[in-house]
Amino acid sequence: MAGLYFHIPFCKRVCAYCDFYKSVDLRRMDPLLESMHRELDARREYLGSEPVRTRYFGGGTPSLCAPEAVTGLLDHAATLFDCTAAEETTLEANPDDLTPAYLAALRRAGVNRLSVGIQSFDDACLKLMNRRHNAAQAVEAVRSAQREGYENITVDLIFGVPGFGDDTLRRSLDSALALGVQHISAYHLTVEPGTAFGRRAARGQFAPVDEATSETEYALVHETLTGAGFEHYEVSNFALPGFRARHNAAYWHGVKYLGIGPAAHSFDGRERHWNVASVTEYIGGTPAEAETLTDRDRFNEYVMTRLRTAEGIDLREAERLFGKERAARVLRDAEPWLKSRTLVLAAGRMAVPPARMLVSDAVIETFFETEPDTATK
């Protein structure tokens, strides 16, 4: 099985925290879409004979696309790839774009999962982040989607926002749960250079929350959502049973995927490809760059992605993929983490308990190989 990703980089407004590639020049939407269709044709052989299981429109703000454009890309892809087994077609959306008419048109296009970028149900927090909706619009967007028949909805929330923890975060979590959505992604705010928050931080006008606050808020998110029956299956992702994000899970498990659009990435099992992060250059035909992954690269990515999930590393699989020597070294390097219970080992799997996944990056770094490959299969 494989995945298809369509990157729509346009936004009406730039959020204060966002460091993804984006453009606010919506006048270039049509030429961009034409270029995406050309790229589909040019890369029709990329997935080989792999049937497409998931399709995903990310951004940017894909909900700025007309439904006809979404339909056009999906229909075109279906002439090039085997999409008959596609189970999940997701579109990321801003709440204020989700009118009843738009929602109905997306359903007809084949979209069966919505990812709604709410971030907070607190109006003051939304204003700080420079979001273009308010809490009431967020609630109405989800309710409208449910009335239109969507039964697989995820909402994004951001925690770790200075001045908006504790009661504010709890109210946002409660509001998300009250909507009856099937999936919630909760991301810790990262203050990146080049963002509005990053520029304010450089001037001493904005400071990230401290480590203790991060841990407290992460625990609140974990306890609230798991207490409501959600499975904490990846660092930032929570799902009701049967509603894990299948497209994103494919990234974490090394499945092939093709990314279409500026700044989109692709992976064919051995090579990683990425398009230029520029609408102008992408429309102009700048070719994708490529990197062939070494055995060490593949091992490092395997460790990084698996230890961000509740399943963790299957030691038998690691031995099959990377050899006995590497698998044995993983166990040796894990000893301090196992003793502190930051890692747990059970039934041949080694994982970070979901309640402690906030520290998964520190654990992952323990296993990274930085020297030339020394282990062989």
Protein backbone atom coordinates (compact mmCIF):
# COMPACT_ATOMS: atom_id res chain seq x y z
CA MET A 1 0.00 0.00 0.00
CA ALA A 2 1.11 3.57 -0.65
CA GLY A 3 0.06 7.15 0.06
CA LEU A 4 -0.53 10.27 -2.02
CA TYR A 5 0.07 13.73 -0.61
CA PHE A 6 -1.02 17.01 -2.23
CA HIS A 7 0.60 20.16 -0.84
CA ILE A 8 -1.46 23.36 -1.13
CA PRO A 9 0.86 26.07 0.24
CA PHE A 10 -1.50 29.05 0.22
CA CYS A 11 -2.76 30.87 3.31
CA LYS A 12 -4.87 33.98 3.74
CA ARG A 13 -2.99 34.83 6.91
CA VAL A 14 0.33 33.66 8.37
CA CYS A 15 0.04 32.20 11.86
CA ALA A 16 2.52 33.47 14.44
CA TYR A 17 4.00 30.02 15.08
CA CYS A 18 4.14 28.55 11.57
CA ASP A 19 7.49 27.74 9.94
CA PHE A 20 6.09 25.59 7.11
CA TYR A 21 6.54 26.81 3.56
CA LYS A 22 3.54 28.96 2.60
CA SER A 23 2.47 31.81 0.33
CA VAL A 24 -0.28 34.42 0.72
CA ASP A 25 -0.40 35.19 -3.03
CA LEU A 26 -3.63 33.37 -3.84
CA ARG A 27 -3.54 34.71 -7.41
CA ARG A 28 -1.18 31.85 -8.27
CA MET A 29 -3.59 29.08 -7.24
CA ASP A 30 -4.62 28.16 -10.80
CA PRO A 31 -1.10 27.97 -12.28
CA LEU A 32 -0.01 25.99 -9.24
CA LEU A 33 -2.80 23.46 -9.73
CA GLU A 34 -1.90 23.12 -13.42
CA SER A 35 1.69 22.38 -12.40
CA MET A 36 0.53 19.79 -9.87
CA HIS A 37 -1.36 17.98 -12.62
CA ARG A 38 1.78 18.01 -14.76
CA GLU A 39 3.79 16.60 -11.87
CA LEU A 40 1.27 13.78 -11.42
CA ASP A 41 1.76 12.78 -15.05
CA ALA A 42 5.54 13.05 -14.82
CA ARG A 43 5.70 10.83 -11.73
CA ARG A 44 3.13 8.22 -12.66
CA GLU A 45 5.71 5.43 -12.28
CA TYR A 46 6.93 6.51 -8.84
CA LEU A 47 4.84 4.11 -6.76
CA GLY A 48 5.31 1.15 -9.08
CA SER A 49 2.39 -1.22 -8.74
CA GLU A 50 1.62 -0.23 -5.15
CA PRO A 51 -2.10 0.46 -4.65
CA VAL A 52 -2.90 3.79 -3.00
CA ARG A 53 -4.40 3.37 0.45
CA THR A 54 -4.49 6.99 1.66
CA ARG A 55 -4.73 10.44 0.10
CA TYR A 56 -4.02 13.65 1.98
CA PHE A 57 -4.36 17.36 1.19
CA GLY A 58 -2.03 19.35 3.46
CA GLY A 59 -0.72 22.88 3.58
CA GLY A 60 -0.83 25.74 3.88
CA THR A 61 -4.59 25.80 3.85
CA PRO A 62 -6.05 23.23 1.43
CA SER A 63 -9.57 24.42 2.25
CA LEU A 64 -8.78 27.48 0.09
CA CYS A 65 -9.02 25.10 -2.90
CA ALA A 66 -12.29 25.01 -4.76
CA PRO A 67 -14.01 21.62 -4.47
CA GLU A 68 -13.63 21.23 -8.23
CA ALA A 69 -9.85 21.49 -7.84
CA VAL A 70 -9.86 18.78 -5.16
CA THR A 71 -12.01 16.58 -7.39
CA GLY A 72 -9.73 17.21 -10.35
CA LEU A 73 -6.59 16.12 -8.52
CA LEU A 74 -8.22 13.02 -7.06
CA ASP A 75 -9.76 12.00 -10.38
CA HIS A 76 -6.49 12.57 -12.24
CA ALA A 77 -4.56 10.51 -9.69
CA ALA A 78 -7.08 7.69 -10.07
CA THR A 79 -6.24 7.45 -13.79
CA LEU A 80 -2.54 7.00 -12.98
CA PHE A 81 -2.55 4.90 -9.80
CA ASP A 82 -4.71 2.11 -8.40
CA CYS A 83 -6.87 4.08 -5.96
CA THR A 84 -9.69 1.54 -5.76
CA ALA A 85 -8.56 0.48 -2.27
CA ALA A 86 -8.21 4.03 -0.94
CA GLU A 87 -9.60 4.00 2.60
CA GLU A 88 -8.86 7.49 3.84
CA THR A 89 -8.92 10.82 2.01
CA THR A 90 -8.10 13.71 4.33
CA LEU A 91 -8.25 17.46 3.79
CA GLU A 92 -6.82 19.98 6.24
CA ALA A 93 -9.13 22.93 6.78
CA ASN A 94 -9.50 26.20 8.60
CA PRO A 95 -12.78 26.41 10.51
CA ASP A 96 -14.02 29.55 8.75
CA ASP A 97 -13.75 27.85 5.34
CA LEU A 98 -16.11 25.01 6.25
CA THR A 99 -19.48 26.22 5.03
CA PRO A 100 -22.24 23.65 4.56
CA ALA A 101 -22.00 23.99 0.77
CA TYR A 102 -18.23 23.52 0.77
CA LEU A 103 -18.46 20.51 3.09
CA ALA A 104 -21.08 18.86 0.89
CA ALA A 105 -18.96 19.43 -2.21
CA LEU A 106 -15.89 17.91 -0.55
CA ARG A 107 -17.91 14.83 0.34
CA ARG A 108 -18.92 14.45 -3.29
CA ALA A 109 -15.26 14.81 -4.28
CA GLY A 110 -14.36 11.82 -2.12
CA VAL A 111 -13.01 13.48 1.03
CA ASN A 112 -14.03 11.31 3.99
CA ARG A 113 -11.81 12.73 6.73
CA LEU A 114 -11.35 16.33 7.86
CA SER A 115 -8.41 17.73 9.80
CA VAL A 116 -9.62 20.99 11.33
CA GLY A 117 -6.94 23.43 12.51
CA ILE A 118 -8.58 24.81 15.62
CA GLN A 119 -5.46 25.15 17.85
CA SER A 120 -7.41 26.61 20.80
CA PHE A 121 -10.96 27.29 21.91
CA ASP A 122 -9.85 30.47 23.67
CA ASP A 123 -10.34 33.64 21.62
CA ALA A 124 -7.44 35.50 23.25
CA CYS A 125 -5.10 32.61 22.53
CA LEU A 126 -6.30 32.44 18.93
CA LYS A 127 -5.64 36.16 18.55
CA LEU A 128 -2.12 35.75 19.93
CA MET A 129 -1.45 33.02 17.37
CA ASN A 130 -2.91 35.21 14.58
CA ARG A 131 -5.54 32.64 13.65
CA ARG A 132 -8.36 33.88 11.43
CA HIS A 133 -11.24 32.18 13.24
CA ASN A 134 -12.71 32.40 16.72
CA ALA A 135 -13.87 29.70 19.11
CA ALA A 136 -17.51 29.93 18.07
CA GLN A 137 -16.57 29.44 14.42
CA ALA A 138 -14.48 26.42 15.36
CA VAL A 139 -17.41 24.77 17.12
CA GLU A 140 -19.80 25.55 14.27
CA ALA A 141 -17.35 24.19 11.67
CA VAL A 142 -17.19 20.80 13.36
CA ARG A 143 -20.94 20.71 13.96
CA SER A 144 -21.56 21.58 10.29
CA ALA A 145 -19.24 18.78 9.17
CA GLN A 146 -21.07 16.31 11.38
CA ARG A 147 -24.42 17.43 9.98
CA GLU A 148 -23.04 16.84 6.47
CA GLY A 149 -22.23 13.25 7.41
CA TYR A 150 -18.53 13.33 8.23
CA GLU A 151 -17.79 10.59 10.73
CA ASN A 152 -14.00 10.87 10.85
CA ILE A 153 -12.91 14.30 12.08
CA THR A 154 -9.66 15.28 13.75
CA VAL A 155 -8.93 18.63 15.37
CA ASP A 156 -5.53 20.18 16.03
CA LEU A 157 -4.73 21.83 19.34
CA ILE A 158 -1.57 23.62 20.48
CA PHE A 159 -0.36 23.60 24.08
CA GLY A 160 2.69 25.17 25.70
CA VAL A 161 1.48 28.66 24.76
CA PRO A 162 2.79 31.19 27.29
CA GLY A 163 -0.05 32.50 29.43
CA PHE A 164 -2.60 29.94 28.19
CA GLY A 165 -1.96 26.78 30.19
CA ASP A 166 -3.81 25.20 33.10
CA ASP A 167 -7.49 26.23 33.01
CA THR A 168 -7.34 27.59 29.44
CA LEU A 169 -5.83 24.37 28.12
CA ARG A 170 -8.28 22.27 30.12
CA ARG A 171 -11.21 24.19 28.65
CA SER A 172 -9.89 23.66 25.13
CA LEU A 173 -9.52 19.94 25.72
CA ASP A 174 -13.01 19.74 27.20
CA SER A 175 -14.41 21.69 24.24
CA ALA A 176 -12.78 19.31 21.77
CA LEU A 177 -14.15 16.29 23.61
CA ALA A 178 -17.62 17.82 23.81
CA LEU A 179 -17.70 17.98 20.01
CA GLY A 180 -17.45 14.19 19.77
CA VAL A 181 -14.59 14.11 17.27
CA GLN A 182 -12.76 10.85 16.59
CA HIS A 183 -9.16 12.10 16.68
CA ILE A 184 -7.21 14.91 18.36
CA SER A 185 -3.68 16.05 17.56
CA ALA A 186 -2.10 18.09 20.36
CA TYR A 187 1.20 19.76 19.51
CA HIS A 188 3.57 21.56 21.84
CA LEU A 189 4.29 25.09 20.63
CA THR A 190 7.79 25.38 19.18
CA VAL A 191 9.19 28.88 18.79
CA GLU A 192 11.06 28.78 15.49
CA PRO A 193 13.35 31.45 13.99
CA GLY A 194 11.68 33.27 11.12
CA THR A 195 8.20 33.08 12.62
CA ALA A 196 6.42 36.00 14.29
CA PHE A 197 6.93 34.32 17.68
CA GLY A 198 10.60 33.73 16.83
CA ARG A 199 11.15 37.36 15.93
CA ARG A 200 9.46 38.49 19.15
CA ALA A 201 11.57 36.06 21.15
CA ALA A 202 14.75 37.45 19.56
CA ARG A 203 13.70 40.90 20.75
CA GLY A 204 13.02 39.59 24.24
CA GLN A 205 9.27 40.10 23.87
CA PHE A 206 8.18 36.45 23.92
CA ALA A 207 9.53 33.54 25.94
CA PRO A 208 8.70 29.84 25.54
CA VAL A 209 7.29 28.04 28.56
CA ASP A 210 9.82 26.32 30.81
CA GLU A 211 10.41 22.58 30.94
CA ALA A 212 8.33 22.05 34.08
CA THR A 213 5.34 23.78 32.48
CA SER A 214 5.77 21.70 29.33
CA GLU A 215 5.69 18.50 31.34
CA THR A 216 2.67 19.61 33.38
CA GLU A 217 0.69 20.56 30.28
CA TYR A 218 1.68 17.40 28.42
CA ALA A 219 0.50 15.34 31.39
CA LEU A 220 -2.80 17.25 31.39
CA VAL A 221 -3.31 16.53 27.69
CA HIS A 222 -2.43 12.85 28.11
CA GLU A 223 -4.56 12.28 31.19
CA THR A 224 -7.58 14.18 29.89
CA LEU A 225 -7.72 12.51 26.50
CA THR A 226 -6.85 8.97 27.58
CA GLY A 227 -9.33 9.38 30.42
CA ALA A 228 -11.97 10.08 27.77
CA GLY A 229 -11.20 6.84 25.93
CA PHE A 230 -8.64 8.10 23.42
CA GLU A 231 -5.59 6.01 22.62
CA HIS A 232 -2.32 7.95 22.88
CA TYR A 233 -0.67 6.21 19.93
CA GLU A 234 2.00 8.74 18.88
CA VAL A 235 3.72 11.64 20.62
CA SER A 236 1.14 14.19 19.51
CA ASN A 237 -1.77 12.03 18.38
CA PHE A 238 -4.81 10.60 20.13
CA ALA A 239 -7.54 8.50 18.56
CA LEU A 240 -10.70 6.68 19.50
CA PRO A 241 -10.45 2.95 18.70
CA GLY A 242 -10.33 2.42 14.94
CA PHE A 243 -9.63 6.06 14.10
CA ARG A 244 -5.85 6.35 13.97
CA ALA A 245 -4.59 8.62 11.17
CA ARG A 246 -3.74 6.04 8.54
CA HIS A 247 -1.88 8.41 6.23
CA ASN A 248 0.42 9.75 8.94
CA ALA A 249 0.95 6.27 10.33
CA ALA A 250 2.28 5.28 6.90
CA TYR A 251 5.06 7.87 7.27
CA TRP A 252 6.01 6.41 10.65
CA HIS A 253 6.18 2.87 9.26
CA GLY A 254 8.23 3.46 6.12
CA VAL A 255 5.43 3.05 3.59
CA LYS A 256 5.95 4.47 0.08
CA TYR A 257 4.33 7.81 -0.63
CA LEU A 258 4.31 10.38 -3.42
CA GLY A 259 4.16 14.09 -2.60
CA ILE A 260 2.84 16.50 -5.22
CA GLY A 261 3.31 20.27 -5.00
CA PRO A 262 5.94 22.77 -3.81
CA ALA A 263 7.91 21.62 -0.74
CA ALA A 264 6.25 18.17 -0.91
CA HIS A 265 8.36 15.13 -0.01
CA SER A 266 8.24 11.62 -1.44
CA PHE A 267 9.73 8.26 -0.44
CA ASP A 268 10.02 5.14 -2.59
CA GLY A 269 11.56 2.84 -0.01
CA ARG A 270 15.19 3.71 -0.77
CA GLU A 271 15.28 7.31 -1.95
CA ARG A 272 13.75 10.47 -0.53
CA HIS A 273 12.70 13.21 -2.93
CA TRP A 274 11.60 16.76 -2.19
CA ASN A 275 10.27 19.57 -4.34
CA VAL A 276 11.54 23.13 -4.26
CA ALA A 277 9.94 25.26 -1.53
CA SER A 278 8.86 28.02 -3.90
CA VAL A 279 5.62 28.38 -5.83
CA THR A 280 7.39 30.38 -8.52
CA GLU A 281 10.20 27.88 -9.03
CA TYR A 282 7.85 24.90 -8.81
CA ILE A 283 5.60 26.37 -11.52
CA GLY A 284 8.76 27.06 -13.52
CA GLY A 285 9.62 23.37 -13.51
CA THR A 286 12.53 23.21 -11.05
CA PRO A 287 13.14 19.46 -10.62
CA ALA A 288 12.90 17.63 -7.32
CA GLU A 289 16.06 16.89 -5.36
CA ALA A 290 16.85 13.37 -4.25
CA GLU A 291 18.82 11.55 -1.60
CA THR A 292 19.59 7.85 -1.51
CA LEU A 293 19.35 6.64 2.06
CA THR A 294 22.27 4.65 3.38
CA ASP A 295 21.73 1.67 5.64
CA ARG A 296 22.63 3.94 8.55
CA ASP A 297 20.10 6.57 7.43
CA ARG A 298 17.39 3.94 7.23
CA PHE A 299 18.28 2.63 10.68
CA ASN A 300 18.22 6.11 12.22
CA GLU A 301 14.87 6.90 10.61
CA TYR A 302 13.49 3.56 11.79
CA VAL A 303 14.47 4.28 15.38
CA MET A 304 13.22 7.86 15.21
CA THR A 305 9.80 7.04 13.82
CA ARG A 306 9.14 3.87 15.81
CA LEU A 307 10.04 5.36 19.20
CA ARG A 308 7.53 8.16 18.62
CA THR A 309 4.72 5.59 18.57
CA ALA A 310 3.08 3.52 21.28
CA GLU A 311 4.19 0.28 19.58
CA GLY A 312 7.84 1.29 19.65
CA ILE A 313 10.56 -0.93 18.18
CA ASP A 314 9.80 -4.54 17.35
CA LEU A 315 13.21 -6.08 18.11
CA ARG A 316 12.58 -9.04 15.81
CA GLU A 317 11.77 -6.68 12.96
CA ALA A 318 14.84 -4.56 13.75
CA GLU A 319 17.03 -7.66 13.59
CA ARG A 320 15.48 -8.76 10.30
CA LEU A 321 15.93 -5.31 8.74
CA PHE A 322 19.28 -4.28 10.18
CA GLY A 323 21.02 -7.38 11.50
CA LYS A 324 21.73 -9.04 14.83
CA GLU A 325 24.58 -6.71 15.75
CA ARG A 326 22.45 -3.59 15.52
CA ALA A 327 19.54 -5.17 17.37
CA ALA A 328 21.87 -6.26 20.17
CA ARG A 329 23.38 -2.78 20.37
CA VAL A 330 19.91 -1.24 20.65
CA LEU A 331 19.25 -3.40 23.69
CA ARG A 332 22.59 -2.47 25.26
CA ASP A 333 22.07 1.26 24.69
CA ALA A 334 18.56 0.98 26.10
CA GLU A 335 19.65 -0.28 29.52
CA PRO A 336 19.71 3.12 31.34
CA TRP A 337 16.30 4.04 29.93
CA LEU A 338 14.86 0.63 30.82
CA LYS A 339 16.11 0.97 34.39
CA SER A 340 14.46 4.38 34.75
CA ARG A 341 11.25 3.06 33.09
CA THR A 342 11.51 5.71 30.41
CA LEU A 343 11.56 2.71 28.08
CA VAL A 344 9.62 -0.48 28.69
CA LEU A 345 10.27 -3.87 27.12
CA ALA A 346 7.43 -6.35 26.70
CA ALA A 347 6.66 -9.15 24.23
CA GLY A 348 9.69 -8.29 22.12
CA ARG A 349 8.79 -4.63 21.76
CA MET A 350 10.55 -1.66 23.31
CA ALA A 351 8.64 1.58 23.65
CA VAL A 352 8.42 4.88 25.50
CA PRO A 353 5.25 4.81 27.63
CA PRO A 354 2.81 7.31 26.08
CA ALA A 355 2.66 9.36 29.28
CA ARG A 356 6.41 10.02 28.91
CA MET A 357 6.62 10.55 25.16
CA LEU A 358 7.47 14.22 25.65
CA VAL A 359 11.07 13.07 26.31
CA SER A 360 11.16 10.68 23.34
CA ASP A 361 13.64 12.86 21.42
CA ALA A 362 16.25 12.46 24.16
CA VAL A 363 15.72 8.69 24.13
CA ILE A 364 15.91 8.49 20.33
CA GLU A 365 19.25 10.32 20.21
CA THR A 366 20.75 7.53 22.31
CA PHE A 367 20.42 5.09 19.43
CA PHE A 368 21.42 7.28 16.49
CA GLU A 369 24.45 6.17 14.50
CA THR A 370 26.71 9.01 13.42
CA GLU A 371 29.75 7.06 12.19
CA PRO A 372 29.96 5.16 8.89
CA ASP A 373 28.02 1.92 8.80
CA THR A 374 29.69 -0.75 10.95
CA ALA A 375 26.91 -3.27 11.25
CA THR A 376 25.69 -5.45 8.41
CA LYS A 377 22.77 -7.74 7.91
